[in-house]
Amino acid sequence: MIMKQLFTKFLVIGAILLLPAVSLAQDSFPSFPMAFWGTAIINGQPLSSGTKIQAFCGSSLIGEVAMPENGTYGYADSTKIKLLVATCNSDILFKYLLSGSATALTGGSEIKYTNGFVAGTTVNKSLDFITIKSCDITNGLGNQTWNGSTWGDCTVKSCNTNYHQDSNNCISNSRSCSISNGTGNQIWSANVWGDCTWVSCNSGYHQSGNTCAADSTGGGGGGGGGGGGGNPPTPPVAPTIAKAGDANGDSKVDKYDFALMMSNWGKAGTNVCDFNNDGRVDKYDFALLMSKWGL
C-alpha cells in the first residue's frame, strides 16, 4: 500500500516537472528577420546621410535604419549595418524619412519588395525614389510634382525653341498678321507681342514705309514714232535768247550776232543762230537778224 502511494506521488511530481518542457515544445521560436542593403537615391541624386529608410508591412512599421552615408542605407559586409525587417505576410513597402521630418514619403512611385518574406535572408535592393516626373505640354516641356500622396498637375518647366509660355501652355513665338494688302508676323518679346513686321506684300503691291502701296501700272505713252521700239529722236530745242537775231544773248542785235551767224552758216541741228527753229542756219535766219538789226 505504501509503495503504491509513493508511485502515485512520483507520477504527479513527474507530470508537474514535464509541463514547462511540453509548453516550450509547443511554442515556436520567433522568426529571424530579413536584412536589406543597397543604395538610396532621389531624382537621380543620393539621399543624404541621416535620412531614415523605413520598411512597412501594410501600414505597420516593421523596420528602419538611418543612412550611415550619402546614398547608402546598408552594406554587403555581414558585420556592418543593414535594414532589418520583421515578419510580413504581404509586400514590403519602402519609404524615406528626411531628417527633421515627421512624415515618411514614398516618392512618385512606391518601391516594394514583392518576393515574399524569407526569414534570415539578406537582399541587395537599390531604392530609387522619384518626386518629379517629366511630361509634355503643347509643344513644350513640363513636370509633375509629387506632394507625398499623389502627382500634382503638370506645370510648364520650359518651352521648346521658338515657343514661349502662355499660362500653362507653350505657343509659337511668331504669328501671322495682315498689314494693308501685305502679310507679316508678330514677334514675341518678353511678355508681350511685338509689332507686326513685314514679310512680303501681296501681288501687285510693294512695301512703302509701313504699308503696301499699289505697283505703278505705267502710263500709256503716246506716240513716238516707229524705229523698232527705240527712243524717238529728241526734237531741236530753240535757243534761249532775249529775241530773234540776238545770237549771243546780250540783248542787242549787232555785228557780234552777225559774226556768229557767219561762223555757223549752213549748219544743221540745234544752233543759237537758227532763229526760225527749222534745224538749219540759212537765209531765213539772216532775214530775221536783219529785221531786228540795231534793236
C-alpha atoms as a PDB file:
ATOM      1  CA  MET A   1       0.000   0.000   0.000  1.00  0.00           C
ATOM      2  CA  ILE A   2       2.765   2.373   0.901  1.00  0.00           C
ATOM      3  CA  MET A   3       4.608   1.542  -2.344  1.00  0.00           C
ATOM      4  CA  LYS A   4       1.509   2.319  -4.387  1.00  0.00           C
ATOM      5  CA  GLN A   5       1.105   5.749  -2.758  1.00  0.00           C
ATOM      6  CA  LEU A   6       4.757   6.551  -3.363  1.00  0.00           C
ATOM      7  CA  PHE A   7       4.452   5.589  -7.046  1.00  0.00           C
ATOM      8  CA  THR A   8       1.370   7.789  -7.486  1.00  0.00           C
ATOM      9  CA  LYS A   9       3.156  10.780  -5.935  1.00  0.00           C
ATOM     10  CA  PHE A  10       6.130  10.166  -8.251  1.00  0.00           C
ATOM     11  CA  LEU A  11       3.864  10.279 -11.324  1.00  0.00           C
ATOM     12  CA  VAL A  12       2.229  13.531 -10.215  1.00  0.00           C
ATOM     13  CA  ILE A  13       5.563  15.217  -9.486  1.00  0.00           C
ATOM     14  CA  GLY A  14       6.969  13.991 -12.793  1.00  0.00           C
ATOM     15  CA  ALA A  15       3.993  15.356 -14.690  1.00  0.00           C
ATOM     16  CA  ILE A  16       4.400  18.714 -12.982  1.00  0.00           C
ATOM     17  CA  LEU A  17       8.093  18.826 -13.874  1.00  0.00           C
ATOM     18  CA  LEU A  18       7.402  17.935 -17.509  1.00  0.00           C
ATOM     19  CA  LEU A  19       4.759  20.665 -18.050  1.00  0.00           C
ATOM     20  CA  PRO A  20       7.255  23.519 -18.885  1.00  0.00           C
ATOM     21  CA  ALA A  21       9.095  21.307 -21.351  1.00  0.00           C
ATOM     22  CA  VAL A  22       5.869  20.354 -23.120  1.00  0.00           C
ATOM     23  CA  SER A  23       4.807  24.025 -23.264  1.00  0.00           C
ATOM     24  CA  LEU A  24       8.170  25.053 -24.746  1.00  0.00           C
ATOM     25  CA  ALA A  25       7.936  22.319 -27.350  1.00  0.00           C
ATOM     26  CA  GLN A  26       4.515  23.550 -28.415  1.00  0.00           C
ATOM     27  CA  ASP A  27       5.537  27.283 -28.741  1.00  0.00           C
ATOM     28  CA  SER A  28       7.573  28.212 -31.898  1.00  0.00           C
ATOM     29  CA  PHE A  29      10.635  30.470 -31.705  1.00  0.00           C
ATOM     30  CA  PRO A  30      10.314  33.980 -33.301  1.00  0.00           C
ATOM     31  CA  SER A  31      11.400  34.143 -36.972  1.00  0.00           C
ATOM     32  CA  PHE A  32      14.755  35.628 -37.810  1.00  0.00           C
ATOM     33  CA  PRO A  33      14.439  38.993 -39.591  1.00  0.00           C
ATOM     34  CA  MET A  34      15.238  39.659 -43.242  1.00  0.00           C
ATOM     35  CA  ALA A  35      18.066  42.063 -43.995  1.00  0.00           C
ATOM     36  CA  PHE A  36      18.204  44.679 -46.810  1.00  0.00           C
ATOM     37  CA  TRP A  37      21.066  46.859 -48.009  1.00  0.00           C
ATOM     38  CA  GLY A  38      21.917  48.947 -51.064  1.00  0.00           C
ATOM     39  CA  THR A  39      21.815  52.459 -52.500  1.00  0.00           C
ATOM     40  CA  ALA A  40      19.114  55.059 -51.897  1.00  0.00           C
ATOM     41  CA  ILE A  41      18.700  57.969 -54.334  1.00  0.00           C
ATOM     42  CA  ILE A  42      16.008  60.522 -55.093  1.00  0.00           C
ATOM     43  CA  ASN A  43      15.581  62.101 -58.541  1.00  0.00           C
ATOM     44  CA  GLY A  44      18.964  60.671 -59.501  1.00  0.00           C
ATOM     45  CA  GLN A  45      20.757  62.223 -56.520  1.00  0.00           C
ATOM     46  CA  PRO A  46      21.921  60.378 -53.372  1.00  0.00           C
ATOM     47  CA  LEU A  47      19.767  60.788 -50.283  1.00  0.00           C
ATOM     48  CA  SER A  48      21.763  62.463 -47.535  1.00  0.00           C
ATOM     49  CA  SER A  49      23.221  60.630 -44.571  1.00  0.00           C
ATOM     50  CA  GLY A  50      20.937  60.621 -41.535  1.00  0.00           C
ATOM     51  CA  THR A  51      17.859  60.024 -43.661  1.00  0.00           C
ATOM     52  CA  LYS A  52      15.918  57.058 -42.334  1.00  0.00           C
ATOM     53  CA  ILE A  53      14.919  54.239 -44.647  1.00  0.00           C
ATOM     54  CA  GLN A  54      11.780  52.604 -43.303  1.00  0.00           C
ATOM     55  CA  ALA A  55      10.025  49.336 -44.172  1.00  0.00           C
ATOM     56  CA  PHE A  56       6.265  48.862 -43.819  1.00  0.00           C
ATOM     57  CA  CYS A  57       4.022  45.828 -43.912  1.00  0.00           C
ATOM     58  CA  GLY A  58       0.708  47.403 -44.824  1.00  0.00           C
ATOM     59  CA  SER A  59       0.552  50.418 -42.510  1.00  0.00           C
ATOM     60  CA  SER A  60       2.771  48.835 -39.810  1.00  0.00           C
ATOM     61  CA  LEU A  61       6.382  49.894 -39.434  1.00  0.00           C
ATOM     62  CA  ILE A  62       8.466  46.706 -39.347  1.00  0.00           C
ATOM     63  CA  GLY A  63      11.992  48.098 -39.560  1.00  0.00           C
ATOM     64  CA  GLU A  64      14.105  51.203 -40.104  1.00  0.00           C
ATOM     65  CA  VAL A  65      17.744  52.249 -40.350  1.00  0.00           C
ATOM     66  CA  ALA A  66      19.487  55.614 -40.535  1.00  0.00           C
ATOM     67  CA  MET A  67      21.691  56.007 -43.622  1.00  0.00           C
ATOM     68  CA  PRO A  68      25.338  55.956 -42.497  1.00  0.00           C
ATOM     69  CA  GLU A  69      26.500  57.955 -45.540  1.00  0.00           C
ATOM     70  CA  ASN A  70      25.086  59.748 -48.577  1.00  0.00           C
ATOM     71  CA  GLY A  71      23.338  57.376 -50.959  1.00  0.00           C
ATOM     72  CA  THR A  72      23.782  54.187 -48.852  1.00  0.00           C
ATOM     73  CA  TYR A  73      21.438  52.560 -46.341  1.00  0.00           C
ATOM     74  CA  GLY A  74      23.450  49.387 -45.647  1.00  0.00           C
ATOM     75  CA  TYR A  75      26.467  47.320 -46.643  1.00  0.00           C
ATOM     76  CA  ALA A  76      27.171  43.897 -48.144  1.00  0.00           C
ATOM     77  CA  ASP A  77      29.539  43.042 -45.267  1.00  0.00           C
ATOM     78  CA  SER A  78      27.645  40.820 -42.834  1.00  0.00           C
ATOM     79  CA  THR A  79      29.232  42.595 -39.884  1.00  0.00           C
ATOM     80  CA  LYS A  80      28.016  46.063 -40.918  1.00  0.00           C
ATOM     81  CA  ILE A  81      24.723  47.891 -40.669  1.00  0.00           C
ATOM     82  CA  LYS A  82      21.648  46.718 -42.607  1.00  0.00           C
ATOM     83  CA  LEU A  83      17.904  47.353 -42.606  1.00  0.00           C
ATOM     84  CA  LEU A  84      16.413  44.514 -40.518  1.00  0.00           C
ATOM     85  CA  VAL A  85      12.770  43.715 -41.271  1.00  0.00           C
ATOM     86  CA  ALA A  86      10.348  41.701 -39.091  1.00  0.00           C
ATOM     87  CA  THR A  87       7.907  39.102 -40.382  1.00  0.00           C
ATOM     88  CA  CYS A  88       5.492  40.297 -43.087  1.00  0.00           C
ATOM     89  CA  ASN A  89       2.841  38.254 -44.866  1.00  0.00           C
ATOM     90  CA  SER A  90       2.477  40.750 -47.748  1.00  0.00           C
ATOM     91  CA  ASP A  91       4.658  43.031 -49.876  1.00  0.00           C
ATOM     92  CA  ILE A  92       7.230  45.130 -48.032  1.00  0.00           C
ATOM     93  CA  LEU A  93       6.935  48.855 -48.812  1.00  0.00           C
ATOM     94  CA  PHE A  94       9.978  51.139 -48.520  1.00  0.00           C
ATOM     95  CA  LYS A  95       9.777  54.816 -47.603  1.00  0.00           C
ATOM     96  CA  TYR A  96      12.251  57.536 -46.673  1.00  0.00           C
ATOM     97  CA  LEU A  97      12.051  59.882 -43.703  1.00  0.00           C
ATOM     98  CA  LEU A  98      14.122  63.033 -44.060  1.00  0.00           C
ATOM     99  CA  SER A  99      15.963  64.280 -41.013  1.00  0.00           C
ATOM    100  CA  GLY A 100      13.661  66.566 -39.017  1.00  0.00           C
ATOM    101  CA  SER A 101      10.567  65.431 -40.924  1.00  0.00           C
ATOM    102  CA  ALA A 102       7.561  63.795 -39.272  1.00  0.00           C
ATOM    103  CA  THR A 103       6.135  62.045 -42.335  1.00  0.00           C
ATOM    104  CA  ALA A 104       7.707  59.223 -44.303  1.00  0.00           C
ATOM    105  CA  LEU A 105       7.391  59.531 -48.105  1.00  0.00           C
ATOM    106  CA  THR A 106       7.471  57.047 -50.941  1.00  0.00           C
ATOM    107  CA  GLY A 107       8.244  59.362 -53.835  1.00  0.00           C
ATOM    108  CA  GLY A 108       6.201  59.296 -57.008  1.00  0.00           C
ATOM    109  CA  SER A 109       6.046  55.527 -57.415  1.00  0.00           C
ATOM    110  CA  GLU A 110       6.058  53.129 -54.473  1.00  0.00           C
ATOM    111  CA  ILE A 111       9.074  50.866 -54.074  1.00  0.00           C
ATOM    112  CA  LYS A 112       8.117  47.387 -52.913  1.00  0.00           C
ATOM    113  CA  TYR A 113       9.721  44.009 -52.298  1.00  0.00           C
ATOM    114  CA  THR A 114       7.242  41.516 -53.708  1.00  0.00           C
ATOM    115  CA  ASN A 115       9.129  38.207 -53.467  1.00  0.00           C
ATOM    116  CA  GLY A 116       7.767  37.424 -50.027  1.00  0.00           C
ATOM    117  CA  PHE A 117       9.327  37.376 -46.580  1.00  0.00           C
ATOM    118  CA  VAL A 118      12.044  34.719 -46.065  1.00  0.00           C
ATOM    119  CA  ALA A 119      13.482  34.699 -42.554  1.00  0.00           C
ATOM    120  CA  GLY A 120      17.225  35.023 -42.201  1.00  0.00           C
ATOM    121  CA  THR A 121      17.910  36.073 -45.835  1.00  0.00           C
ATOM    122  CA  THR A 122      19.856  39.139 -46.951  1.00  0.00           C
ATOM    123  CA  VAL A 123      18.743  41.065 -50.049  1.00  0.00           C
ATOM    124  CA  ASN A 124      20.576  43.720 -52.032  1.00  0.00           C
ATOM    125  CA  LYS A 125      17.873  46.190 -53.153  1.00  0.00           C
ATOM    126  CA  SER A 126      18.512  49.633 -54.609  1.00  0.00           C
ATOM    127  CA  LEU A 127      15.908  52.239 -53.728  1.00  0.00           C
ATOM    128  CA  ASP A 128      15.309  54.858 -56.446  1.00  0.00           C
ATOM    129  CA  PHE A 129      12.769  57.389 -55.191  1.00  0.00           C
ATOM    130  CA  ILE A 130      11.211  59.904 -57.622  1.00  0.00           C
ATOM    131  CA  THR A 131       9.466  63.173 -56.760  1.00  0.00           C
ATOM    132  CA  ILE A 132       9.399  64.810 -60.230  1.00  0.00           C
ATOM    133  CA  LYS A 133       8.177  63.216 -63.432  1.00  0.00           C
ATOM    134  CA  SER A 134       8.555  64.846 -66.878  1.00  0.00           C
ATOM    135  CA  CYS A 135       5.575  65.381 -69.155  1.00  0.00           C
ATOM    136  CA  ASP A 136       4.753  67.208 -72.395  1.00  0.00           C
ATOM    137  CA  ILE A 137       2.594  70.313 -72.655  1.00  0.00           C
ATOM    138  CA  THR A 138       1.610  71.620 -76.108  1.00  0.00           C
ATOM    139  CA  ASN A 139       4.991  71.859 -77.814  1.00  0.00           C
ATOM    140  CA  GLY A 140       6.764  72.446 -74.502  1.00  0.00           C
ATOM    141  CA  LEU A 141       8.226  70.605 -71.559  1.00  0.00           C
ATOM    142  CA  GLY A 142       6.918  70.484 -68.002  1.00  0.00           C
ATOM    143  CA  ASN A 143       6.923  68.391 -64.846  1.00  0.00           C
ATOM    144  CA  GLN A 144       4.564  66.798 -62.382  1.00  0.00           C
ATOM    145  CA  THR A 145       5.315  67.273 -58.696  1.00  0.00           C
ATOM    146  CA  TRP A 146       4.834  64.642 -56.022  1.00  0.00           C
ATOM    147  CA  ASN A 147       3.163  66.054 -52.906  1.00  0.00           C
ATOM    148  CA  GLY A 148       3.586  62.947 -50.780  1.00  0.00           C
ATOM    149  CA  SER A 149       0.475  61.080 -51.836  1.00  0.00           C
ATOM    150  CA  THR A 150      -0.477  61.944 -55.417  1.00  0.00           C
ATOM    151  CA  TRP A 151       1.013  63.552 -58.505  1.00  0.00           C
ATOM    152  CA  GLY A 152       0.331  67.254 -58.845  1.00  0.00           C
ATOM    153  CA  ASP A 153      -0.790  68.923 -62.049  1.00  0.00           C
ATOM    154  CA  CYS A 154       1.667  69.164 -64.913  1.00  0.00           C
ATOM    155  CA  THR A 155       3.224  72.622 -64.998  1.00  0.00           C
ATOM    156  CA  VAL A 156       5.434  74.226 -67.633  1.00  0.00           C
ATOM    157  CA  LYS A 157       9.126  73.833 -66.900  1.00  0.00           C
ATOM    158  CA  SER A 158      10.499  75.153 -70.185  1.00  0.00           C
ATOM    159  CA  CYS A 159       9.259  75.596 -73.737  1.00  0.00           C
ATOM    160  CA  ASN A 160      10.913  74.283 -76.879  1.00  0.00           C
ATOM    161  CA  THR A 161      12.887  76.584 -79.188  1.00  0.00           C
ATOM    162  CA  ASN A 162      10.701  79.216 -80.912  1.00  0.00           C
ATOM    163  CA  TYR A 163       7.953  78.780 -78.290  1.00  0.00           C
ATOM    164  CA  HIS A 164       7.141  80.736 -75.143  1.00  0.00           C
ATOM    165  CA  GLN A 165       4.996  80.071 -72.094  1.00  0.00           C
ATOM    166  CA  ASP A 166       1.442  81.387 -72.165  1.00  0.00           C
ATOM    167  CA  SER A 167      -0.385  80.451 -68.966  1.00  0.00           C
ATOM    168  CA  ASN A 168       0.004  76.664 -68.772  1.00  0.00           C
ATOM    169  CA  ASN A 169       0.861  76.115 -72.435  1.00  0.00           C
ATOM    170  CA  CYS A 170       3.696  76.735 -74.876  1.00  0.00           C
ATOM    171  CA  ILE A 171       2.820  78.685 -78.027  1.00  0.00           C
ATOM    172  CA  SER A 172       4.769  79.841 -81.071  1.00  0.00           C
ATOM    173  CA  ASN A 173       6.998  82.919 -80.808  1.00  0.00           C
ATOM    174  CA  SER A 174       5.522  84.364 -84.025  1.00  0.00           C
ATOM    175  CA  ARG A 175       2.108  84.526 -85.600  1.00  0.00           C
ATOM    176  CA  SER A 176       0.935  85.828 -88.942  1.00  0.00           C
ATOM    177  CA  CYS A 177      -0.964  89.063 -89.402  1.00  0.00           C
ATOM    178  CA  SER A 178      -2.163  91.239 -92.264  1.00  0.00           C
ATOM    179  CA  ILE A 179      -0.999  94.787 -92.900  1.00  0.00           C
ATOM    180  CA  SER A 180      -2.558  96.892 -95.651  1.00  0.00           C
ATOM    181  CA  ASN A 181      -2.559  94.408 -98.511  1.00  0.00           C
ATOM    182  CA  GLY A 182       0.558  92.667 -97.232  1.00  0.00           C
ATOM    183  CA  THR A 183       1.472  89.866 -94.855  1.00  0.00           C
ATOM    184  CA  GLY A 184       3.744  89.962 -91.833  1.00  0.00           C
ATOM    185  CA  ASN A 185       4.315  88.416 -88.418  1.00  0.00           C
ATOM    186  CA  GLN A 186       4.357  89.415 -84.781  1.00  0.00           C
ATOM    187  CA  ILE A 187       7.411  88.539 -82.700  1.00  0.00           C
ATOM    188  CA  TRP A 188       7.217  87.543 -79.028  1.00  0.00           C
ATOM    189  CA  SER A 189       9.354  89.781 -76.853  1.00  0.00           C
ATOM    190  CA  ALA A 190       9.451  89.283 -73.099  1.00  0.00           C
ATOM    191  CA  ASN A 191       5.776  89.031 -72.113  1.00  0.00           C
ATOM    192  CA  VAL A 192       4.063  90.855 -74.990  1.00  0.00           C
ATOM    193  CA  TRP A 193       3.681  90.518 -78.723  1.00  0.00           C
ATOM    194  CA  GLY A 194       5.968  92.821 -80.671  1.00  0.00           C
ATOM    195  CA  ASP A 195       4.810  94.962 -83.578  1.00  0.00           C
ATOM    196  CA  CYS A 196       3.865  93.292 -86.818  1.00  0.00           C
ATOM    197  CA  THR A 197       6.866  93.231 -89.151  1.00  0.00           C
ATOM    198  CA  TRP A 198       6.888  92.796 -92.918  1.00  0.00           C
ATOM    199  CA  VAL A 199       7.462  89.567 -94.737  1.00  0.00           C
ATOM    200  CA  SER A 200       6.032  90.382 -98.166  1.00  0.00           C
ATOM    201  CA  CYS A 201       3.340  92.376 -99.938  1.00  0.00           C
ATOM    202  CA  ASN A 202       0.579  90.788-101.960  1.00  0.00           C
ATOM    203  CA  SER A 203       0.872  90.559-105.719  1.00  0.00           C
ATOM    204  CA  GLY A 204       0.503  93.969-107.343  1.00  0.00           C
ATOM    205  CA  TYR A 205       1.807  95.794-104.252  1.00  0.00           C
ATOM    206  CA  HIS A 206       5.185  96.854-102.927  1.00  0.00           C
ATOM    207  CA  GLN A 207       6.328  97.909 -99.490  1.00  0.00           C
ATOM    208  CA  SER A 208       6.242 101.622 -98.822  1.00  0.00           C
ATOM    209  CA  GLY A 209       7.081 102.552 -95.262  1.00  0.00           C
ATOM    210  CA  ASN A 210       4.802 100.511 -93.013  1.00  0.00           C
ATOM    211  CA  THR A 211       2.233  99.773 -95.692  1.00  0.00           C
ATOM    212  CA  CYS A 212       1.889  98.132 -99.082  1.00  0.00           C
ATOM    213  CA  ALA A 213       1.306 100.510-101.985  1.00  0.00           C
ATOM    214  CA  ALA A 214      -0.067  99.515-105.367  1.00  0.00           C
ATOM    215  CA  ASP A 215       2.536  98.981-108.064  1.00  0.00           C
ATOM    216  CA  SER A 216       2.556 101.622-110.798  1.00  0.00           C
ATOM    217  CA  THR A 217       0.780 100.469-113.980  1.00  0.00           C
ATOM    218  CA  GLY A 218       2.913 102.765-116.105  1.00  0.00           C
ATOM    219  CA  GLY A 219       1.213 105.196-118.304  1.00  0.00           C
ATOM    220  CA  GLY A 220       0.422 104.835-121.736  1.00  0.00           C
ATOM    221  CA  GLY A 221       2.598 106.528-123.826  1.00  0.00           C
ATOM    222  CA  GLY A 222       1.837 108.050-126.782  1.00  0.00           C
ATOM    223  CA  GLY A 223       3.372 108.194-129.980  1.00  0.00           C
ATOM    224  CA  GLY A 224       6.913 108.296-130.552  1.00  0.00           C
ATOM    225  CA  GLY A 225       7.266 107.034-133.998  1.00  0.00           C
ATOM    226  CA  GLY A 226       8.432 103.639-135.046  1.00  0.00           C
ATOM    227  CA  GLY A 227      12.036 102.854-135.162  1.00  0.00           C
ATOM    228  CA  GLY A 228      11.699  99.322-133.961  1.00  0.00           C
ATOM    229  CA  GLY A 229      10.751 100.321-130.470  1.00  0.00           C
ATOM    230  CA  GLY A 230      13.763 102.610-129.965  1.00  0.00           C
ATOM    231  CA  ASN A 231      13.544 106.023-128.345  1.00  0.00           C
ATOM    232  CA  PRO A 232      12.291 108.771-130.720  1.00  0.00           C
ATOM    233  CA  PRO A 233      14.836 111.444-131.718  1.00  0.00           C
ATOM    234  CA  THR A 234      14.999 114.436-129.424  1.00  0.00           C
ATOM    235  CA  PRO A 235      13.479 117.449-131.179  1.00  0.00           C
ATOM    236  CA  PRO A 236      15.720 120.520-131.505  1.00  0.00           C
ATOM    237  CA  VAL A 237      15.446 122.929-128.637  1.00  0.00           C
ATOM    238  CA  ALA A 238      15.062 126.548-129.516  1.00  0.00           C
ATOM    239  CA  PRO A 239      17.864 128.705-128.177  1.00  0.00           C
ATOM    240  CA  THR A 240      17.088 130.631-125.056  1.00  0.00           C
ATOM    241  CA  ILE A 241      17.656 134.200-126.192  1.00  0.00           C
ATOM    242  CA  ALA A 242      16.110 137.520-125.460  1.00  0.00           C
ATOM    243  CA  LYS A 243      14.759 137.965-129.004  1.00  0.00           C
ATOM    244  CA  ALA A 244      15.241 136.632-132.543  1.00  0.00           C
ATOM    245  CA  GLY A 245      18.555 137.764-134.054  1.00  0.00           C
ATOM    246  CA  ASP A 246      20.306 138.145-130.660  1.00  0.00           C
ATOM    247  CA  ALA A 247      22.613 135.132-131.109  1.00  0.00           C
ATOM    248  CA  ASN A 248      24.983 135.984-128.230  1.00  0.00           C
ATOM    249  CA  GLY A 249      22.240 136.920-125.793  1.00  0.00           C
ATOM    250  CA  ASP A 250      23.467 140.419-124.961  1.00  0.00           C
ATOM    251  CA  SER A 251      20.017 141.878-125.699  1.00  0.00           C
ATOM    252  CA  LYS A 252      21.288 143.631-128.811  1.00  0.00           C
ATOM    253  CA  VAL A 253      21.332 142.611-132.481  1.00  0.00           C
ATOM    254  CA  ASP A 254      24.587 143.830-133.906  1.00  0.00           C
ATOM    255  CA  LYS A 255      27.851 142.893-135.568  1.00  0.00           C
ATOM    256  CA  TYR A 256      28.628 140.281-132.959  1.00  0.00           C
ATOM    257  CA  ASP A 257      25.444 138.400-133.772  1.00  0.00           C
ATOM    258  CA  PHE A 258      26.248 138.749-137.482  1.00  0.00           C
ATOM    259  CA  ALA A 259      29.725 137.279-136.875  1.00  0.00           C
ATOM    260  CA  LEU A 260      28.237 134.288-135.031  1.00  0.00           C
ATOM    261  CA  MET A 261      25.789 133.655-137.856  1.00  0.00           C
ATOM    262  CA  MET A 262      28.529 133.677-140.440  1.00  0.00           C
ATOM    263  CA  SER A 263      30.576 131.190-138.429  1.00  0.00           C
ATOM    264  CA  ASN A 264      27.568 128.843-138.199  1.00  0.00           C
ATOM    265  CA  TRP A 265      26.239 129.361-141.696  1.00  0.00           C
ATOM    266  CA  GLY A 266      24.794 126.210-143.259  1.00  0.00           C
ATOM    267  CA  LYS A 267      24.983 124.089-140.089  1.00  0.00           C
ATOM    268  CA  ALA A 268      22.105 121.753-139.221  1.00  0.00           C
ATOM    269  CA  GLY A 269      20.657 120.829-135.860  1.00  0.00           C
ATOM    270  CA  THR A 270      20.250 122.826-132.715  1.00  0.00           C
ATOM    271  CA  ASN A 271      22.056 126.150-133.058  1.00  0.00           C
ATOM    272  CA  VAL A 272      21.892 129.574-131.419  1.00  0.00           C
ATOM    273  CA  CYS A 273      21.716 131.146-134.865  1.00  0.00           C
ATOM    274  CA  ASP A 274      18.744 129.050-136.021  1.00  0.00           C
ATOM    275  CA  PHE A 275      16.233 131.796-135.245  1.00  0.00           C
ATOM    276  CA  ASN A 276      13.267 130.147-137.001  1.00  0.00           C
ATOM    277  CA  ASN A 277      13.952 126.700-135.446  1.00  0.00           C
ATOM    278  CA  ASP A 278      13.908 124.785-138.710  1.00  0.00           C
ATOM    279  CA  GLY A 279      17.107 122.885-137.911  1.00  0.00           C
ATOM    280  CA  ARG A 280      19.419 124.862-140.242  1.00  0.00           C
ATOM    281  CA  VAL A 281      21.261 128.223-140.234  1.00  0.00           C
ATOM    282  CA  ASP A 282      20.366 129.822-143.571  1.00  0.00           C
ATOM    283  CA  LYS A 283      18.944 132.855-145.374  1.00  0.00           C
ATOM    284  CA  TYR A 284      15.732 132.791-143.374  1.00  0.00           C
ATOM    285  CA  ASP A 285      17.675 133.244-140.180  1.00  0.00           C
ATOM    286  CA  PHE A 286      19.732 136.017-141.846  1.00  0.00           C
ATOM    287  CA  ALA A 287      16.492 137.802-142.783  1.00  0.00           C
ATOM    288  CA  LEU A 288      15.332 137.660-139.169  1.00  0.00           C
ATOM    289  CA  LEU A 289      18.662 139.044-137.954  1.00  0.00           C
ATOM    290  CA  MET A 290      18.470 141.968-140.451  1.00  0.00           C
ATOM    291  CA  SER A 291      14.872 142.693-139.415  1.00  0.00           C
ATOM    292  CA  LYS A 292      15.996 143.137-135.823  1.00  0.00           C
ATOM    293  CA  TRP A 293      19.289 144.938-136.568  1.00  0.00           C
ATOM    294  CA  GLY A 294      20.160 147.632-134.095  1.00  0.00           C
ATOM    295  CA  LEU A 295      17.297 146.788-131.827  1.00  0.00           C
END
